[in-house]
Amino acid sequence: MAYWAIATRKGESPPMKITPVLNPNQREFLEDELLYREKLEILAENNTLSTDLFVRKFEDIDDPVLLDKHDSFYHTTKSLLVLFQIMGVMPIHRNPQKYGLARTGYSWTSNQVFWAIFV
């Protein structure tokens, strides 16, 4: 039996619910989903297109500075990436922070490829 049911049966108060901690990208995604659901409900009720609902701009969604700031995978594995680049095993590089450009890339003419060939 679940703890909630046992605790309620014995007269104890159930434990507090823990709210999840979201990073800014997750929070924005959740807000967008909630706003989209609200928009669909309004459209279903009225059958009219309402333009006063908030829609996040695409510039805010793909903000490279914000994505870099919260890229925990890259920050935790950066030392391994640098080590592998020095060893000549992984000749990938990080692209500059530009809209629409992938942050990790590969190019035959990059310094990392020349170093891998030299090693």
C-alpha atoms as a PDB file:
ATOM      1  CA  MET A   1       0.000   0.000   0.000  1.00  0.00           C
ATOM      2  CA  ALA A   2       1.236   3.487  -0.774  1.00  0.00           C
ATOM      3  CA  TYR A   3       2.650   5.658   1.999  1.00  0.00           C
ATOM      4  CA  TRP A   4      -0.057   8.251   1.362  1.00  0.00           C
ATOM      5  CA  ALA A   5      -2.808   5.752   2.110  1.00  0.00           C
ATOM      6  CA  ILE A   6      -1.068   4.315   5.189  1.00  0.00           C
ATOM      7  CA  ALA A   7      -0.255   7.758   6.620  1.00  0.00           C
ATOM      8  CA  THR A   8      -3.809   8.983   6.121  1.00  0.00           C
ATOM      9  CA  ARG A   9      -5.259   5.844   7.684  1.00  0.00           C
ATOM     10  CA  LYS A  10      -3.083   6.157  10.822  1.00  0.00           C
ATOM     11  CA  GLY A  11      -4.015   9.801  11.251  1.00  0.00           C
ATOM     12  CA  GLU A  12      -0.598  11.168  10.258  1.00  0.00           C
ATOM     13  CA  SER A  13      -0.328  14.052   7.875  1.00  0.00           C
ATOM     14  CA  PRO A  14       0.964  13.108   4.415  1.00  0.00           C
ATOM     15  CA  PRO A  15       4.458  14.341   3.489  1.00  0.00           C
ATOM     16  CA  MET A  16       4.897  17.605   1.635  1.00  0.00           C
ATOM     17  CA  LYS A  17       5.084  17.401  -2.136  1.00  0.00           C
ATOM     18  CA  ILE A  18       8.450  18.389  -3.565  1.00  0.00           C
ATOM     19  CA  THR A  19       8.281  20.768  -6.500  1.00  0.00           C
ATOM     20  CA  PRO A  20      10.832  20.119  -9.241  1.00  0.00           C
ATOM     21  CA  VAL A  21      13.564  22.660  -9.923  1.00  0.00           C
ATOM     22  CA  LEU A  22      13.663  23.545 -13.611  1.00  0.00           C
ATOM     23  CA  ASN A  23      16.406  25.262 -15.543  1.00  0.00           C
ATOM     24  CA  PRO A  24      15.349  28.270 -17.664  1.00  0.00           C
ATOM     25  CA  ASN A  25      14.972  26.229 -20.859  1.00  0.00           C
ATOM     26  CA  GLN A  26      12.748  23.657 -19.155  1.00  0.00           C
ATOM     27  CA  ARG A  27      10.706  26.414 -17.505  1.00  0.00           C
ATOM     28  CA  GLU A  28      10.186  28.204 -20.838  1.00  0.00           C
ATOM     29  CA  PHE A  29       9.195  24.942 -22.512  1.00  0.00           C
ATOM     30  CA  LEU A  30       6.662  24.219 -19.762  1.00  0.00           C
ATOM     31  CA  GLU A  31       5.260  27.761 -19.971  1.00  0.00           C
ATOM     32  CA  ASP A  32       4.953  27.475 -23.754  1.00  0.00           C
ATOM     33  CA  GLU A  33       3.147  24.144 -23.463  1.00  0.00           C
ATOM     34  CA  LEU A  34       0.719  25.551 -20.900  1.00  0.00           C
ATOM     35  CA  LEU A  35       0.053  28.633 -23.041  1.00  0.00           C
ATOM     36  CA  TYR A  36      -0.444  26.456 -26.120  1.00  0.00           C
ATOM     37  CA  ARG A  37      -2.929  24.263 -24.217  1.00  0.00           C
ATOM     38  CA  GLU A  38      -4.763  27.375 -23.028  1.00  0.00           C
ATOM     39  CA  LYS A  39      -4.868  28.696 -26.591  1.00  0.00           C
ATOM     40  CA  LEU A  40      -6.313  25.413 -27.862  1.00  0.00           C
ATOM     41  CA  GLU A  41      -8.991  25.464 -25.153  1.00  0.00           C
ATOM     42  CA  ILE A  42      -9.960  29.043 -26.047  1.00  0.00           C
ATOM     43  CA  LEU A  43     -10.077  28.179 -29.744  1.00  0.00           C
ATOM     44  CA  ALA A  44     -12.235  25.124 -29.005  1.00  0.00           C
ATOM     45  CA  GLU A  45     -14.692  27.222 -27.008  1.00  0.00           C
ATOM     46  CA  ASN A  46     -14.944  30.210 -29.344  1.00  0.00           C
ATOM     47  CA  ASN A  47     -14.037  28.735 -32.737  1.00  0.00           C
ATOM     48  CA  THR A  48     -12.281  32.023 -33.495  1.00  0.00           C
ATOM     49  CA  LEU A  49      -8.649  32.841 -33.982  1.00  0.00           C
ATOM     50  CA  SER A  50      -7.456  35.098 -31.208  1.00  0.00           C
ATOM     51  CA  THR A  51      -4.214  36.977 -31.751  1.00  0.00           C
ATOM     52  CA  ASP A  52      -3.916  38.421 -28.256  1.00  0.00           C
ATOM     53  CA  LEU A  53      -2.409  35.239 -26.801  1.00  0.00           C
ATOM     54  CA  PHE A  54       1.285  35.256 -26.018  1.00  0.00           C
ATOM     55  CA  VAL A  55       3.529  33.282 -28.334  1.00  0.00           C
ATOM     56  CA  ARG A  56       7.263  33.135 -27.606  1.00  0.00           C
ATOM     57  CA  LYS A  57       9.486  34.480 -30.380  1.00  0.00           C
ATOM     58  CA  PHE A  58      11.888  32.057 -32.058  1.00  0.00           C
ATOM     59  CA  GLU A  59      14.820  34.322 -31.152  1.00  0.00           C
ATOM     60  CA  ASP A  60      14.151  33.543 -27.487  1.00  0.00           C
ATOM     61  CA  ILE A  61      13.860  29.812 -28.067  1.00  0.00           C
ATOM     62  CA  ASP A  62      17.258  29.357 -29.751  1.00  0.00           C
ATOM     63  CA  ASP A  63      19.255  31.896 -27.760  1.00  0.00           C
ATOM     64  CA  PRO A  64      22.825  30.501 -27.990  1.00  0.00           C
ATOM     65  CA  VAL A  65      24.081  32.421 -24.951  1.00  0.00           C
ATOM     66  CA  LEU A  66      21.291  31.045 -22.767  1.00  0.00           C
ATOM     67  CA  LEU A  67      21.754  27.533 -24.156  1.00  0.00           C
ATOM     68  CA  ASP A  68      25.504  27.680 -23.476  1.00  0.00           C
ATOM     69  CA  LYS A  69      24.951  28.929 -19.961  1.00  0.00           C
ATOM     70  CA  HIS A  70      22.775  25.919 -19.116  1.00  0.00           C
ATOM     71  CA  ASP A  71      24.555  23.249 -21.184  1.00  0.00           C
ATOM     72  CA  SER A  72      25.448  21.038 -18.239  1.00  0.00           C
ATOM     73  CA  PHE A  73      26.549  18.101 -20.427  1.00  0.00           C
ATOM     74  CA  TYR A  74      29.221  20.201 -22.157  1.00  0.00           C
ATOM     75  CA  HIS A  75      30.409  21.775 -18.916  1.00  0.00           C
ATOM     76  CA  THR A  76      30.820  18.401 -17.200  1.00  0.00           C
ATOM     77  CA  THR A  77      32.574  16.726 -20.136  1.00  0.00           C
ATOM     78  CA  LYS A  78      34.667  19.667 -21.348  1.00  0.00           C
ATOM     79  CA  SER A  79      37.843  18.353 -19.702  1.00  0.00           C
ATOM     80  CA  LEU A  80      37.446  15.014 -21.498  1.00  0.00           C
ATOM     81  CA  LEU A  81      36.857  16.779 -24.808  1.00  0.00           C
ATOM     82  CA  VAL A  82      40.028  18.833 -24.384  1.00  0.00           C
ATOM     83  CA  LEU A  83      42.004  15.721 -23.395  1.00  0.00           C
ATOM     84  CA  PHE A  84      40.726  13.820 -26.439  1.00  0.00           C
ATOM     85  CA  GLN A  85      41.554  16.775 -28.695  1.00  0.00           C
ATOM     86  CA  ILE A  86      45.124  16.851 -27.331  1.00  0.00           C
ATOM     87  CA  MET A  87      45.415  13.107 -27.936  1.00  0.00           C
ATOM     88  CA  GLY A  88      44.103  13.598 -31.486  1.00  0.00           C
ATOM     89  CA  VAL A  89      41.188  11.225 -30.939  1.00  0.00           C
ATOM     90  CA  MET A  90      38.224  13.608 -31.198  1.00  0.00           C
ATOM     91  CA  PRO A  91      38.826  16.471 -33.658  1.00  0.00           C
ATOM     92  CA  ILE A  92      35.517  18.265 -33.088  1.00  0.00           C
ATOM     93  CA  HIS A  93      35.277  21.923 -32.164  1.00  0.00           C
ATOM     94  CA  ARG A  94      32.828  24.393 -30.670  1.00  0.00           C
ATOM     95  CA  ASN A  95      31.340  26.872 -33.127  1.00  0.00           C
ATOM     96  CA  PRO A  96      30.848  30.540 -32.239  1.00  0.00           C
ATOM     97  CA  GLN A  97      27.605  31.575 -30.577  1.00  0.00           C
ATOM     98  CA  LYS A  98      25.443  32.414 -33.604  1.00  0.00           C
ATOM     99  CA  TYR A  99      21.747  31.889 -34.214  1.00  0.00           C
ATOM    100  CA  GLY A 100      20.962  28.806 -36.276  1.00  0.00           C
ATOM    101  CA  LEU A 101      24.506  27.410 -36.031  1.00  0.00           C
ATOM    102  CA  ALA A 102      25.105  24.157 -34.160  1.00  0.00           C
ATOM    103  CA  ARG A 103      27.417  24.638 -31.181  1.00  0.00           C
ATOM    104  CA  THR A 104      29.488  21.504 -31.865  1.00  0.00           C
ATOM    105  CA  GLY A 105      30.922  21.004 -35.315  1.00  0.00           C
ATOM    106  CA  TYR A 106      33.448  19.222 -37.473  1.00  0.00           C
ATOM    107  CA  SER A 107      35.441  20.610 -40.339  1.00  0.00           C
ATOM    108  CA  TRP A 108      38.243  19.060 -42.383  1.00  0.00           C
ATOM    109  CA  THR A 109      40.134  22.352 -42.278  1.00  0.00           C
ATOM    110  CA  SER A 110      39.918  22.959 -38.521  1.00  0.00           C
ATOM    111  CA  ASN A 111      42.939  23.166 -36.266  1.00  0.00           C
ATOM    112  CA  GLN A 112      41.758  20.078 -34.384  1.00  0.00           C
ATOM    113  CA  VAL A 113      41.853  17.923 -37.548  1.00  0.00           C
ATOM    114  CA  PHE A 114      45.347  19.162 -38.465  1.00  0.00           C
ATOM    115  CA  TRP A 115      46.521  18.409 -34.925  1.00  0.00           C
ATOM    116  CA  ALA A 116      44.979  14.890 -35.076  1.00  0.00           C
ATOM    117  CA  ILE A 117      46.771  14.222 -38.375  1.00  0.00           C
ATOM    118  CA  PHE A 118      50.045  15.531 -36.945  1.00  0.00           C
ATOM    119  CA  VAL A 119      49.765  13.373 -33.805  1.00  0.00           C
END
